[in-house]
Amino acid sequence: MSAELKDGRYRITALAWCYLEAEHRAGGGDQSEIVRKVMHEWALRKHRAAIEAQKLLASEGIAGNGGEDEGTTGKGG
């Protein structure tokens, strides 16, 4: 069973549209498929980076919760 898809309608720059349309014309599928693939790959990279950031923050004793104590560990700085 495939994952549920969410509907999103967004305005994009002319530059982004030209490349999206070029990918479509070159045989890369319809625009919505291309956008879905690009956004999913981007989200996976962000997700992996967030996981790594949490590990690094924890190793430095930083909460990583976006709170006011951000970056104030008392360690050398």
C-alpha atoms as a PDB file:
ATOM      1  CA  MET A   1       0.000   0.000   0.000  1.00  0.00           C
ATOM      2  CA  SER A   2       1.427   3.384  -0.941  1.00  0.00           C
ATOM      3  CA  ALA A   3       1.663   6.329   1.408  1.00  0.00           C
ATOM      4  CA  GLU A   4      -1.170   8.824   1.553  1.00  0.00           C
ATOM      5  CA  LEU A   5      -0.527  11.850  -0.649  1.00  0.00           C
ATOM      6  CA  LYS A   6      -1.263  15.379   0.505  1.00  0.00           C
ATOM      7  CA  ASP A   7      -2.496  18.059  -1.870  1.00  0.00           C
ATOM      8  CA  GLY A   8      -0.312  21.129  -2.214  1.00  0.00           C
ATOM      9  CA  ARG A   9      -0.593  23.972  -4.679  1.00  0.00           C
ATOM     10  CA  TYR A  10       2.302  26.383  -4.749  1.00  0.00           C
ATOM     11  CA  ARG A  11       3.558  29.253  -6.815  1.00  0.00           C
ATOM     12  CA  ILE A  12       7.086  28.786  -8.145  1.00  0.00           C
ATOM     13  CA  THR A  13       9.577  31.071  -9.831  1.00  0.00           C
ATOM     14  CA  ALA A  14       9.883  31.227 -13.602  1.00  0.00           C
ATOM     15  CA  LEU A  15      13.339  29.632 -13.342  1.00  0.00           C
ATOM     16  CA  ALA A  16      11.994  26.681 -11.337  1.00  0.00           C
ATOM     17  CA  TRP A  17       9.076  26.274 -13.734  1.00  0.00           C
ATOM     18  CA  CYS A  18      11.400  26.235 -16.776  1.00  0.00           C
ATOM     19  CA  TYR A  19      13.466  23.413 -15.304  1.00  0.00           C
ATOM     20  CA  LEU A  20      10.360  21.542 -14.209  1.00  0.00           C
ATOM     21  CA  GLU A  21       8.866  21.864 -17.678  1.00  0.00           C
ATOM     22  CA  ALA A  22      12.188  20.855 -19.275  1.00  0.00           C
ATOM     23  CA  GLU A  23      12.297  17.687 -17.141  1.00  0.00           C
ATOM     24  CA  HIS A  24       8.717  16.952 -18.141  1.00  0.00           C
ATOM     25  CA  ARG A  25       9.437  17.446 -21.853  1.00  0.00           C
ATOM     26  CA  ALA A  26      12.583  15.338 -21.654  1.00  0.00           C
ATOM     27  CA  GLY A  27      10.482  12.413 -20.505  1.00  0.00           C
ATOM     28  CA  GLY A  28      10.635  12.711 -16.755  1.00  0.00           C
ATOM     29  CA  GLY A  29       6.908  12.224 -16.186  1.00  0.00           C
ATOM     30  CA  ASP A  30       4.251  14.796 -15.501  1.00  0.00           C
ATOM     31  CA  GLN A  31       5.071  17.857 -13.435  1.00  0.00           C
ATOM     32  CA  SER A  32       3.310  16.643 -10.304  1.00  0.00           C
ATOM     33  CA  GLU A  33       5.317  13.399 -10.317  1.00  0.00           C
ATOM     34  CA  ILE A  34       8.568  15.332 -10.740  1.00  0.00           C
ATOM     35  CA  VAL A  35       7.718  17.750  -7.937  1.00  0.00           C
ATOM     36  CA  ARG A  36       6.650  14.886  -5.658  1.00  0.00           C
ATOM     37  CA  LYS A  37       9.957  13.070  -6.284  1.00  0.00           C
ATOM     38  CA  VAL A  38      12.097  16.198  -5.784  1.00  0.00           C
ATOM     39  CA  MET A  39      10.258  17.199  -2.602  1.00  0.00           C
ATOM     40  CA  HIS A  40      10.439  13.684  -1.188  1.00  0.00           C
ATOM     41  CA  GLU A  41      14.198  13.490  -1.814  1.00  0.00           C
ATOM     42  CA  TRP A  42      14.616  16.933  -0.203  1.00  0.00           C
ATOM     43  CA  ALA A  43      12.534  15.881   2.814  1.00  0.00           C
ATOM     44  CA  LEU A  44      14.605  12.703   3.245  1.00  0.00           C
ATOM     45  CA  ARG A  45      17.835  14.749   3.247  1.00  0.00           C
ATOM     46  CA  LYS A  46      16.391  17.185   5.797  1.00  0.00           C
ATOM     47  CA  HIS A  47      15.161  14.308   7.954  1.00  0.00           C
ATOM     48  CA  ARG A  48      18.563  12.591   7.913  1.00  0.00           C
ATOM     49  CA  ALA A  49      20.261  15.902   8.743  1.00  0.00           C
ATOM     50  CA  ALA A  50      17.868  16.483  11.649  1.00  0.00           C
ATOM     51  CA  ILE A  51      18.656  13.043  13.061  1.00  0.00           C
ATOM     52  CA  GLU A  52      22.389  13.714  12.810  1.00  0.00           C
ATOM     53  CA  ALA A  53      21.953  17.181  14.318  1.00  0.00           C
ATOM     54  CA  GLN A  54      20.139  15.695  17.325  1.00  0.00           C
ATOM     55  CA  LYS A  55      23.005  13.237  17.856  1.00  0.00           C
ATOM     56  CA  LEU A  56      25.570  16.050  17.651  1.00  0.00           C
ATOM     57  CA  LEU A  57      23.560  18.294  19.960  1.00  0.00           C
ATOM     58  CA  ALA A  58      23.231  15.509  22.511  1.00  0.00           C
ATOM     59  CA  SER A  59      26.984  14.823  22.374  1.00  0.00           C
ATOM     60  CA  GLU A  60      27.617  18.510  23.114  1.00  0.00           C
ATOM     61  CA  GLY A  61      25.090  18.603  25.950  1.00  0.00           C
ATOM     62  CA  ILE A  62      22.730  20.904  24.081  1.00  0.00           C
ATOM     63  CA  ALA A  63      19.007  20.247  24.462  1.00  0.00           C
ATOM     64  CA  GLY A  64      18.222  20.877  20.791  1.00  0.00           C
ATOM     65  CA  ASN A  65      14.630  21.728  21.598  1.00  0.00           C
ATOM     66  CA  GLY A  66      14.772  25.263  20.239  1.00  0.00           C
ATOM     67  CA  GLY A  67      14.509  26.647  23.742  1.00  0.00           C
ATOM     68  CA  GLU A  68      16.171  29.720  25.159  1.00  0.00           C
ATOM     69  CA  ASP A  69      19.101  27.646  26.445  1.00  0.00           C
ATOM     70  CA  GLU A  70      20.269  26.990  22.878  1.00  0.00           C
ATOM     71  CA  GLY A  71      24.030  26.957  22.642  1.00  0.00           C
ATOM     72  CA  THR A  72      24.610  27.740  26.327  1.00  0.00           C
ATOM     73  CA  THR A  73      26.255  24.614  27.671  1.00  0.00           C
ATOM     74  CA  GLY A  74      29.012  26.295  29.611  1.00  0.00           C
ATOM     75  CA  LYS A  75      31.567  24.379  27.534  1.00  0.00           C
ATOM     76  CA  GLY A  76      34.495  26.533  26.500  1.00  0.00           C
ATOM     77  CA  GLY A  77      32.818  29.320  24.795  1.00  0.00           C
END
